[in-house]
């Protein structure tokens, strides 16, 4: 049996809930629970007795109608005050459908001839002002009992104002890298920002977080005010991918979200990335597309988008933030390279080359894009029939046939102005230039990737990264 209560509920929301198994032995406990709530709402003894009778008859009918209920199945009872003076008890259950037209009508004027199987419905209806059964589809059925109270005396309390207030004096912020002893404060910061919706489990367990910090699997940069941690940004390095750091956990306490704490934190992260304090090859992560604050922060430290993940995250309430939509959230996967990429060629379907050339250019990949299947010594590895079909297709599309993959044209060099000489490029680019003839002979359609010259507005495309939620500032 499970019971919950909430005296700060909005009108129509349950003030208290109770879950019981399909067992008549729990009805006395339910009635004691109901009596206390009706009395709290200002109900008289007679009104309490009426609701008692209506609920007792309804529960008995529902439990007896579902004798094969599993031991783990529960009925859920909710008590609410949807409007002034109206008390409501709702019983949600997964028992058989309720057909009101099949319930015998009990006639108190002719008790000897009346069908006693309808007595429960007669008593419950007479004791309440309204008794309805709602078909909730795949959620089962819901019985609702309503009774108007003559002298209601209960008003939900407004939620307590627990928001922190920042210090009145001028704030002095300091930044540093977190140590294992900071684990407890980081757990508190996570709750202040996300309550219990943050997906990285370690940030809710002090011991686990302390051990991860000590092992270097989690590296956090914090900002402090008056000796207290007020903000955090984290990089997670998993043992399976030791050369990649996952950026997440950009958090600032609610009381400091309008201060310069976030700017100090971003500067600390920016300096750490510039100094390569983490021995990794790249940084990556995801961020919510609608959270422009984290996007601007990410653009500041050099993260760029690579792909869009549509509607992959369920919405959640954030601490101290209003969520205006119930739609599933979409994320951007973003990267920042710590060292130049070693790959000279990246193999993708040709239809993706135009889009991926711009995206890969943003993160600093200057190699070639190819749709061929390379092998040692060059040459086309596809079956002869496939090669012939490709050549015929390209001829029909207006491209002259040629060797390899449909007579592919030479690799397209998209280098920006001022970078025309191959010897001035990255060594990997020079390697790509030297091996270009061999790749053309193998039939690879290639596209040179360079960084675009136009600036991309960071509020839309870039951002500091989080696992699945918008950053809390």
Protein backbone atom coordinates (compact mmCIF):
# COMPACT_ATOMS: atom_id res chain seq x y z
CA UNK A 1 0.00 0.00 0.00
CA UNK A 2 1.33 3.42 -0.97
CA UNK A 3 0.07 6.83 0.13
CA UNK A 4 1.05 10.33 -0.99
CA UNK A 5 -0.19 13.82 -0.12
CA UNK A 6 0.33 17.30 -1.49
CA UNK A 7 -1.34 20.33 0.09
CA UNK A 8 -0.03 22.72 -2.58
CA UNK A 9 -1.97 21.09 -5.43
CA UNK A 10 -3.63 23.23 -8.07
CA UNK A 11 -7.45 23.08 -8.36
CA UNK A 12 -8.52 19.73 -9.77
CA UNK A 13 -5.27 17.98 -8.95
CA UNK A 14 -5.29 15.26 -6.27
CA UNK A 15 -4.51 16.38 -2.75
CA UNK A 16 -3.69 12.84 -1.69
CA UNK A 17 -3.37 9.43 -3.34
CA UNK A 18 -3.49 5.86 -2.07
CA UNK A 19 -2.68 2.57 -3.79
CA UNK A 20 -4.01 -0.77 -2.53
CA UNK A 21 -4.12 -4.34 -3.89
CA UNK A 22 -7.38 -5.92 -5.01
CA UNK A 23 -8.07 -7.17 -1.49
CA UNK A 24 -11.18 -6.37 0.59
CA UNK A 25 -9.11 -6.48 3.77
CA UNK A 26 -7.74 -3.03 2.89
CA UNK A 27 -11.13 -1.29 2.77
CA UNK A 28 -11.00 -0.29 6.47
CA UNK A 29 -7.66 1.41 5.86
CA UNK A 30 -9.15 3.22 2.87
CA UNK A 31 -12.10 4.45 4.90
CA UNK A 32 -9.85 5.82 7.64
CA UNK A 33 -7.82 7.61 4.95
CA UNK A 34 -10.98 9.08 3.42
CA UNK A 35 -12.46 10.17 6.77
CA UNK A 36 -9.36 12.15 7.62
CA UNK A 37 -9.33 13.92 4.26
CA UNK A 38 -13.04 14.79 4.28
CA UNK A 39 -12.70 16.14 7.80
CA UNK A 40 -9.70 18.22 6.69
CA UNK A 41 -11.80 19.62 3.84
CA UNK A 42 -14.52 20.74 6.26
CA UNK A 43 -16.98 17.89 5.73
CA UNK A 44 -19.52 17.09 8.42
CA UNK A 45 -19.94 13.68 10.00
CA UNK A 46 -22.99 13.03 7.81
CA UNK A 47 -21.11 14.00 4.65
CA UNK A 48 -18.20 11.83 5.68
CA UNK A 49 -20.55 8.88 6.27
CA UNK A 50 -22.15 9.38 2.85
CA UNK A 51 -18.82 9.31 1.06
CA UNK A 52 -17.81 6.35 3.21
CA UNK A 53 -20.86 4.38 2.02
CA UNK A 54 -20.45 5.32 -1.63
CA UNK A 55 -16.78 4.41 -1.71
CA UNK A 56 -17.25 1.19 0.25
CA UNK A 57 -19.92 -0.10 -2.15
CA UNK A 58 -17.92 0.91 -5.21
CA UNK A 59 -14.70 -0.69 -3.97
CA UNK A 60 -16.47 -3.91 -3.05
CA UNK A 61 -18.00 -4.15 -6.53
CA UNK A 62 -14.70 -3.44 -8.33
CA UNK A 63 -12.65 -5.86 -6.23
CA UNK A 64 -15.19 -8.69 -6.51
CA UNK A 65 -15.38 -8.15 -10.27
CA UNK A 66 -11.66 -8.82 -10.65
CA UNK A 67 -10.94 -12.03 -8.70
CA UNK A 68 -7.99 -13.01 -10.91
CA UNK A 69 -6.02 -9.81 -10.28
CA UNK A 70 -2.28 -10.35 -10.02
CA UNK A 71 -0.68 -9.80 -6.59
CA UNK A 72 1.36 -6.90 -7.93
CA UNK A 73 -1.64 -5.05 -9.43
CA UNK A 74 -2.94 -1.99 -7.57
CA UNK A 75 -6.02 0.19 -7.43
CA UNK A 76 -5.25 3.89 -7.21
CA UNK A 77 -7.48 6.22 -5.17
CA UNK A 78 -7.17 9.99 -5.46
CA UNK A 79 -8.89 12.62 -3.30
CA UNK A 80 -9.32 16.09 -4.80
CA UNK A 81 -11.21 19.36 -4.35
CA UNK A 82 -11.83 20.35 -7.99
CA UNK A 83 -13.86 23.41 -6.99
CA UNK A 84 -15.00 25.20 -3.87
CA UNK A 85 -17.14 22.92 -1.75
CA UNK A 86 -16.88 19.81 -3.94
CA UNK A 87 -15.10 16.69 -2.70
CA UNK A 88 -14.09 14.05 -5.24
CA UNK A 89 -12.79 10.51 -4.87
CA UNK A 90 -11.52 8.78 -8.03
CA UNK A 91 -10.74 5.06 -8.19
CA UNK A 92 -8.57 3.91 -11.11
CA UNK A 93 -8.41 0.19 -11.75
CA UNK A 94 -7.56 -2.40 -14.39
CA UNK A 95 -10.54 -4.65 -13.80
CA UNK A 96 -13.17 -5.73 -16.34
CA UNK A 97 -15.17 -3.12 -18.30
CA UNK A 98 -18.16 -1.64 -16.48
CA UNK A 99 -21.47 -1.83 -18.39
CA UNK A 100 -23.98 0.32 -16.52
CA UNK A 101 -26.87 -0.89 -18.66
CA UNK A 102 -26.23 -4.41 -17.39
CA UNK A 103 -26.41 -3.48 -13.71
CA UNK A 104 -29.83 -4.47 -12.33
CA UNK A 105 -31.96 -1.55 -11.15
CA UNK A 106 -32.81 -1.87 -7.49
CA UNK A 107 -36.27 -0.57 -6.60
CA UNK A 108 -36.56 0.27 -2.89
CA UNK A 109 -40.34 0.45 -3.25
CA UNK A 110 -40.44 -3.27 -4.03
CA UNK A 111 -37.55 -4.80 -2.11
CA UNK A 112 -38.97 -8.29 -2.27
CA UNK A 113 -38.95 -8.24 -6.06
CA UNK A 114 -35.78 -6.17 -6.51
CA UNK A 115 -32.54 -7.70 -7.73
CA UNK A 116 -29.98 -7.44 -4.94
CA UNK A 117 -27.15 -7.40 -7.47
CA UNK A 118 -28.08 -3.78 -8.15
CA UNK A 119 -28.24 -2.74 -4.51
CA UNK A 120 -24.62 -1.57 -4.40
CA UNK A 121 -25.14 0.84 -7.29
CA UNK A 122 -28.34 2.20 -5.75
CA UNK A 123 -26.67 2.83 -2.39
CA UNK A 124 -23.56 4.43 -3.91
CA UNK A 125 -25.62 6.68 -6.17
CA UNK A 126 -27.93 7.78 -3.36
CA UNK A 127 -25.06 8.51 -0.97
CA UNK A 128 -23.20 10.69 -3.46
CA UNK A 129 -24.18 13.65 -5.60
CA UNK A 130 -22.63 12.03 -8.67
CA UNK A 131 -21.24 8.59 -9.51
CA UNK A 132 -19.70 8.08 -12.94
CA UNK A 133 -17.59 5.39 -14.58
CA UNK A 134 -15.08 6.63 -17.14
CA UNK A 135 -13.61 4.39 -19.82
CA UNK A 136 -9.92 5.41 -20.05
CA UNK A 137 -9.10 3.09 -22.92
CA UNK A 138 -5.75 1.37 -22.46
CA UNK A 139 -5.48 2.92 -18.98
CA UNK A 140 -8.45 0.94 -17.69
CA UNK A 141 -11.49 2.37 -15.93
CA UNK A 142 -12.00 5.21 -13.48
CA UNK A 143 -14.89 5.46 -11.01
CA UNK A 144 -15.53 9.00 -9.75
CA UNK A 145 -17.58 9.81 -6.66
CA UNK A 146 -18.49 13.46 -6.00
CA UNK A 147 -20.11 15.03 -2.95
CA UNK A 148 -20.74 18.72 -2.30
CA UNK A 149 -19.79 19.90 1.19
CA UNK A 150 -22.03 22.38 2.98
CA UNK A 151 -19.25 24.22 4.83
CA UNK A 152 -15.91 23.67 3.10
CA UNK A 153 -12.99 24.80 5.23
CA UNK A 154 -9.90 23.78 3.31
CA UNK A 155 -7.77 25.84 0.95
CA UNK A 156 -4.53 24.46 -0.53
CA UNK A 157 -1.45 26.27 0.68
CA UNK A 158 0.67 27.96 -1.96
CA UNK A 159 4.06 26.31 -2.44
CA UNK A 160 6.72 27.48 -0.05
CA UNK A 161 9.17 29.99 -1.45
CA UNK A 162 12.37 28.01 -1.32
CA UNK A 163 14.25 29.83 -4.04
CA UNK A 164 17.68 30.92 -2.96
CA UNK A 165 18.68 34.54 -2.86
CA UNK A 166 22.11 35.66 -3.88
CA UNK A 167 24.33 37.65 -1.54
CA UNK A 168 23.62 41.37 -1.32
CA UNK A 169 27.29 42.36 -1.60
CA UNK A 170 29.33 42.35 -4.76
CA UNK A 171 30.06 38.76 -5.68
CA UNK A 172 33.59 37.54 -6.21
CA UNK A 173 33.70 34.42 -8.37
CA UNK A 174 36.58 31.95 -8.54
CA UNK A 175 36.97 28.93 -10.80
CA UNK A 176 38.92 25.70 -10.42
CA UNK A 177 38.84 22.03 -11.30
CA UNK A 178 36.75 19.92 -8.96
CA UNK A 179 38.31 17.43 -6.56
CA UNK A 180 36.72 14.26 -5.11
CA UNK A 181 35.84 16.14 -1.91
CA UNK A 182 33.43 18.31 -3.94
CA UNK A 183 31.11 15.37 -4.64
CA UNK A 184 28.50 16.26 -2.00
CA UNK A 185 28.17 19.86 -3.23
CA UNK A 186 27.89 18.68 -6.83
CA UNK A 187 25.05 16.34 -5.87
CA UNK A 188 23.24 19.27 -4.22
CA UNK A 189 23.83 21.43 -7.28
CA UNK A 190 22.36 18.73 -9.54
CA UNK A 191 19.20 18.56 -7.46
CA UNK A 192 18.90 22.35 -7.41
CA UNK A 193 19.09 22.40 -11.20
CA UNK A 194 17.26 19.26 -12.33
CA UNK A 195 15.60 17.74 -9.27
CA UNK A 196 15.71 14.03 -10.18
CA UNK A 197 15.52 14.30 -13.98
CA UNK A 198 19.24 14.40 -14.81
CA UNK A 199 20.29 11.21 -16.64
CA UNK A 200 23.87 10.83 -15.35
CA UNK A 201 23.34 8.59 -12.32
CA UNK A 202 26.66 9.43 -10.66
CA UNK A 203 25.48 12.98 -9.96
CA UNK A 204 22.92 11.66 -7.46
CA UNK A 205 25.29 9.34 -5.57
CA UNK A 206 28.03 11.03 -3.58
CA UNK A 207 30.23 7.94 -3.30
CA UNK A 208 30.01 7.09 -7.00
CA UNK A 209 30.73 10.67 -8.02
CA UNK A 210 33.70 10.91 -5.63
CA UNK A 211 35.21 7.73 -7.08
CA UNK A 212 34.66 8.86 -10.68
CA UNK A 213 36.38 12.17 -9.92
CA UNK A 214 39.28 10.35 -8.28
CA UNK A 215 39.71 7.98 -11.25
CA UNK A 216 39.54 10.81 -13.77
CA UNK A 217 36.48 9.38 -15.49
CA UNK A 218 34.67 12.62 -14.63
CA UNK A 219 36.44 15.98 -14.83
CA UNK A 220 34.39 18.90 -13.54
CA UNK A 221 35.14 22.60 -13.63
CA UNK A 222 33.34 24.62 -10.96
CA UNK A 223 32.71 28.26 -10.16
CA UNK A 224 32.52 29.31 -6.50
CA UNK A 225 31.08 32.29 -4.63
CA UNK A 226 31.89 32.82 -0.94
CA UNK A 227 33.46 29.36 -0.81
CA UNK A 228 30.39 27.60 -2.14
CA UNK A 229 30.05 25.86 -5.54
CA UNK A 230 27.41 27.68 -7.58
CA UNK A 231 28.11 26.29 -11.07
CA UNK A 232 29.60 23.30 -12.83
CA UNK A 233 30.56 21.98 -16.26
CA UNK A 234 31.69 18.37 -16.67
CA UNK A 235 33.56 16.15 -19.13
CA UNK A 236 33.05 12.39 -18.92
CA UNK A 237 35.74 10.08 -20.29
CA UNK A 238 34.47 6.53 -20.56
CA UNK A 239 36.97 3.64 -20.35
CA UNK A 240 35.71 2.33 -23.69
CA UNK A 241 36.50 5.61 -25.48
CA UNK A 242 39.49 7.07 -23.60
CA UNK A 243 40.31 9.52 -26.41
CA UNK A 244 36.86 11.14 -26.38
CA UNK A 245 35.40 13.46 -23.72
CA UNK A 246 31.65 13.82 -23.37
CA UNK A 247 30.66 17.37 -22.39
CA UNK A 248 27.66 17.73 -20.09
CA UNK A 249 26.30 19.02 -16.77
CA UNK A 250 26.37 22.75 -17.41
CA UNK A 251 24.66 23.88 -14.21
CA UNK A 252 24.26 27.14 -12.30
CA UNK A 253 22.34 27.54 -9.06
CA UNK A 254 19.02 29.32 -9.45
CA UNK A 255 20.07 32.24 -7.26
CA UNK A 256 23.05 32.93 -9.56
CA UNK A 257 21.48 32.51 -13.00
CA UNK A 258 21.26 36.27 -13.48
CA UNK A 259 24.84 36.84 -12.32
CA UNK A 260 28.15 36.51 -14.17
CA UNK A 261 28.75 33.03 -12.74
CA UNK A 262 28.08 31.39 -16.10
CA UNK A 263 30.60 33.67 -17.83
CA UNK A 264 33.33 32.77 -15.33
CA UNK A 265 32.51 29.08 -15.82
CA UNK A 266 32.64 29.32 -19.60
CA UNK A 267 36.01 31.11 -19.42
CA UNK A 268 37.38 28.32 -17.22
CA UNK A 269 36.18 25.68 -19.69
CA UNK A 270 37.55 27.68 -22.61
CA UNK A 271 40.96 27.92 -20.97
CA UNK A 272 41.01 24.20 -20.15
CA UNK A 273 40.23 23.32 -23.75
CA UNK A 274 42.84 25.72 -25.09
CA UNK A 275 45.48 24.28 -22.78
CA UNK A 276 44.43 20.69 -23.63
CA UNK A 277 44.29 19.84 -19.95
CA UNK A 278 42.36 16.68 -20.83
CA UNK A 279 44.40 14.24 -22.89
CA UNK A 280 41.75 13.52 -25.53
CA UNK A 281 41.33 13.84 -29.30
CA UNK A 282 37.82 15.27 -29.39
CA UNK A 283 34.98 16.60 -27.27
CA UNK A 284 31.37 15.76 -28.06
CA UNK A 285 27.89 15.83 -26.60
CA UNK A 286 24.24 16.67 -27.18
CA UNK A 287 22.12 19.69 -26.37
CA UNK A 288 18.45 20.60 -26.55
CA UNK A 289 17.63 22.57 -29.70
CA UNK A 290 15.27 24.96 -27.91
CA UNK A 291 17.74 25.98 -25.20
CA UNK A 292 19.53 28.93 -26.76
CA UNK A 293 21.55 29.74 -23.63
CA UNK A 294 23.55 26.52 -23.82
CA UNK A 295 23.93 26.95 -27.58
CA UNK A 296 25.54 30.37 -27.15
CA UNK A 297 27.81 29.00 -24.44
CA UNK A 298 28.90 26.16 -26.71
CA UNK A 299 29.67 28.50 -29.58
CA UNK A 300 31.88 30.47 -27.21
CA UNK A 301 34.10 27.44 -26.51
CA UNK A 302 34.20 26.16 -30.08
CA UNK A 303 31.59 23.42 -30.34
CA UNK A 304 29.89 22.93 -33.71
CA UNK A 305 26.83 20.86 -34.71
CA UNK A 306 27.23 17.67 -36.70
CA UNK A 307 23.78 16.09 -36.74
CA UNK A 308 20.21 16.59 -35.52
CA UNK A 309 18.42 13.97 -33.40
CA UNK A 310 14.69 14.58 -33.76
CA UNK A 311 12.20 14.01 -30.92
CA UNK A 312 14.41 11.62 -28.94
CA UNK A 313 13.92 12.99 -25.43
CA UNK A 314 10.77 13.12 -23.32
CA UNK A 315 10.01 16.56 -21.80
CA UNK A 316 10.61 17.10 -18.11
CA UNK A 317 10.06 19.84 -15.55
CA UNK A 318 13.13 21.82 -14.58
CA UNK A 319 13.72 23.32 -11.16
CA UNK A 320 12.91 27.02 -11.27
CA UNK A 321 12.09 26.94 -15.01
CA UNK A 322 8.76 26.90 -16.85
CA UNK A 323 8.31 24.40 -19.65
CA UNK A 324 5.72 25.58 -22.18
CA UNK A 325 5.58 22.50 -24.38
CA UNK A 326 4.81 18.82 -23.93
CA UNK A 327 6.48 17.77 -27.16
CA UNK A 328 9.44 15.42 -27.17
CA UNK A 329 12.75 17.25 -27.30
CA UNK A 330 15.21 17.24 -30.18
CA UNK A 331 18.98 17.40 -29.75
CA UNK A 332 22.03 18.50 -31.65
CA UNK A 333 25.11 16.31 -31.61
CA UNK A 334 28.08 18.69 -31.46
CA UNK A 335 31.85 18.26 -31.65
CA UNK A 336 35.06 20.09 -31.04
CA UNK A 337 38.32 18.54 -32.24
CA UNK A 338 41.25 18.67 -29.84
CA UNK A 339 43.78 17.54 -32.46
CA UNK A 340 43.59 17.62 -36.28
CA UNK A 341 41.92 14.50 -37.69
CA UNK A 342 44.23 11.79 -39.00
CA UNK A 343 41.78 10.56 -41.64
CA UNK A 344 42.51 11.77 -45.16
CA UNK A 345 39.27 10.40 -46.61
CA UNK A 346 35.81 9.89 -45.13
CA UNK A 347 33.47 7.53 -46.98
CA UNK A 348 29.83 8.61 -47.28
CA UNK A 349 27.07 8.16 -49.88
CA UNK A 350 27.51 10.79 -52.56
CA UNK A 351 24.06 12.29 -51.96
CA UNK A 352 25.22 13.41 -48.48
CA UNK A 353 28.45 15.10 -49.60
CA UNK A 354 27.13 18.64 -50.07
CA UNK A 355 25.55 18.85 -46.61
CA UNK A 356 28.30 16.97 -44.77
CA UNK A 357 31.06 19.01 -46.42
CA UNK A 358 29.80 22.15 -44.66
CA UNK A 359 29.16 20.43 -41.33
CA UNK A 360 32.52 18.64 -41.25
CA UNK A 361 34.28 21.81 -42.35
CA UNK A 362 32.95 23.60 -39.26
CA UNK A 363 34.67 21.16 -36.92
CA UNK A 364 37.97 21.30 -38.80
CA UNK A 365 37.92 18.19 -40.97
CA UNK A 366 39.86 19.07 -44.15
CA UNK A 367 40.07 15.66 -45.78
CA UNK A 368 38.11 14.35 -48.74
CA UNK A 369 34.64 12.84 -48.89
CA UNK A 370 34.32 9.74 -51.05
CA UNK A 371 31.56 7.33 -51.96
CA UNK A 372 33.98 4.66 -53.19
CA UNK A 373 35.02 1.51 -51.35
CA UNK A 374 38.78 1.70 -51.06
CA UNK A 375 41.22 -1.19 -50.64
CA UNK A 376 44.96 -1.60 -50.47
CA UNK A 377 46.54 -1.04 -53.88
CA UNK A 378 43.48 0.83 -55.24
CA UNK A 379 40.91 -0.53 -57.62
CA UNK A 380 37.16 -0.96 -57.46
CA UNK A 381 36.07 -3.73 -55.12
CA UNK A 382 32.49 -3.95 -56.39
CA UNK A 383 31.27 -6.77 -58.65
CA UNK A 384 31.63 -6.13 -62.41
CA UNK A 385 27.88 -6.09 -62.86
CA UNK A 386 27.48 -3.34 -60.30
CA UNK A 387 30.19 -1.27 -61.97
CA UNK A 388 28.45 -1.63 -65.35
CA UNK A 389 25.08 -0.61 -63.91
CA UNK A 390 26.62 2.45 -62.27
CA UNK A 391 28.27 3.53 -65.52
CA UNK A 392 24.99 3.13 -67.39
CA UNK A 393 23.08 5.11 -64.76
CA UNK A 394 25.58 7.95 -64.83
CA UNK A 395 25.40 8.02 -68.65
CA UNK A 396 21.60 8.33 -68.45
CA UNK A 397 21.97 11.13 -65.90
CA UNK A 398 24.10 13.11 -68.33
CA UNK A 399 27.55 12.11 -67.00
CA UNK A 400 29.93 10.53 -69.52
CA UNK A 401 30.96 6.97 -68.67
CA UNK A 402 34.48 6.36 -67.53
CA UNK A 403 36.63 4.08 -65.46
CA UNK A 404 35.79 2.93 -61.96
CA UNK A 405 32.58 4.15 -60.30
CA UNK A 406 30.76 5.58 -63.33
CA UNK A 407 33.67 7.68 -64.55
CA UNK A 408 33.71 9.88 -61.47
CA UNK A 409 35.18 13.33 -61.91
CA UNK A 410 38.37 14.27 -60.05
CA UNK A 411 38.09 15.16 -56.39
CA UNK A 412 36.50 18.57 -55.94
CA UNK A 413 38.79 20.90 -54.03
CA UNK A 414 36.70 23.26 -51.92
CA UNK A 415 39.62 25.05 -50.32
CA UNK A 416 39.07 28.65 -49.29
CA UNK A 417 41.10 31.45 -50.78
CA UNK A 418 44.64 31.71 -49.43
CA UNK A 419 45.00 27.97 -48.91
CA UNK A 420 45.69 27.01 -52.50
CA UNK A 421 49.15 25.49 -52.10
CA UNK A 422 48.96 21.92 -50.81
CA UNK A 423 52.19 22.27 -48.83
CA UNK A 424 50.58 24.95 -46.65
CA UNK A 425 47.84 22.63 -45.51
CA UNK A 426 47.79 20.09 -42.73
CA UNK A 427 50.03 17.03 -43.36
CA UNK A 428 46.93 14.88 -43.70
CA UNK A 429 45.72 17.19 -46.46
CA UNK A 430 49.06 16.90 -48.29
CA UNK A 431 48.74 13.13 -48.02
CA UNK A 432 45.25 13.37 -49.49
CA UNK A 433 46.59 15.48 -52.38
CA UNK A 434 49.40 12.99 -53.12
CA UNK A 435 47.05 10.02 -53.10
CA UNK A 436 44.25 11.70 -55.07
CA UNK A 437 45.25 10.14 -58.44
CA UNK A 438 45.14 6.64 -56.94
CA UNK A 439 41.70 7.33 -55.48
CA UNK A 440 40.42 8.65 -58.78
CA UNK A 441 41.68 5.50 -60.46
CA UNK A 442 39.76 3.41 -57.91
CA UNK A 443 36.57 5.16 -58.90
CA UNK A 444 35.96 7.18 -55.69
CA UNK A 445 33.78 10.26 -56.00
CA UNK A 446 35.44 12.71 -53.63
CA UNK A 447 34.74 16.14 -52.26
CA UNK A 448 37.33 18.24 -50.47
CA UNK A 449 36.11 19.59 -47.14
CA UNK A 450 37.26 22.97 -45.88
CA UNK A 451 36.02 25.26 -43.15
CA UNK A 452 33.30 27.60 -44.44
CA UNK A 453 34.08 31.30 -44.42
CA UNK A 454 30.60 32.46 -43.40
CA UNK A 455 29.89 32.64 -39.69
CA UNK A 456 27.02 30.54 -38.38
CA UNK A 457 24.70 32.14 -35.88
CA UNK A 458 25.51 30.28 -32.61
CA UNK A 459 22.07 30.68 -31.11
CA UNK A 460 20.69 28.16 -33.61
CA UNK A 461 23.47 25.72 -34.40
CA UNK A 462 25.99 25.51 -31.60
CA UNK A 463 25.95 24.87 -27.90
CA UNK A 464 27.65 23.50 -24.84
CA UNK A 465 26.55 19.96 -24.49
CA UNK A 466 24.27 18.03 -22.20
CA UNK A 467 23.25 14.39 -22.21
CA UNK A 468 19.53 14.83 -22.66
CA UNK A 469 18.21 18.00 -21.10
CA UNK A 470 18.47 21.74 -21.46
CA UNK A 471 21.11 23.26 -19.23
CA UNK A 472 19.75 24.86 -16.12
CA UNK A 473 20.57 28.54 -16.35
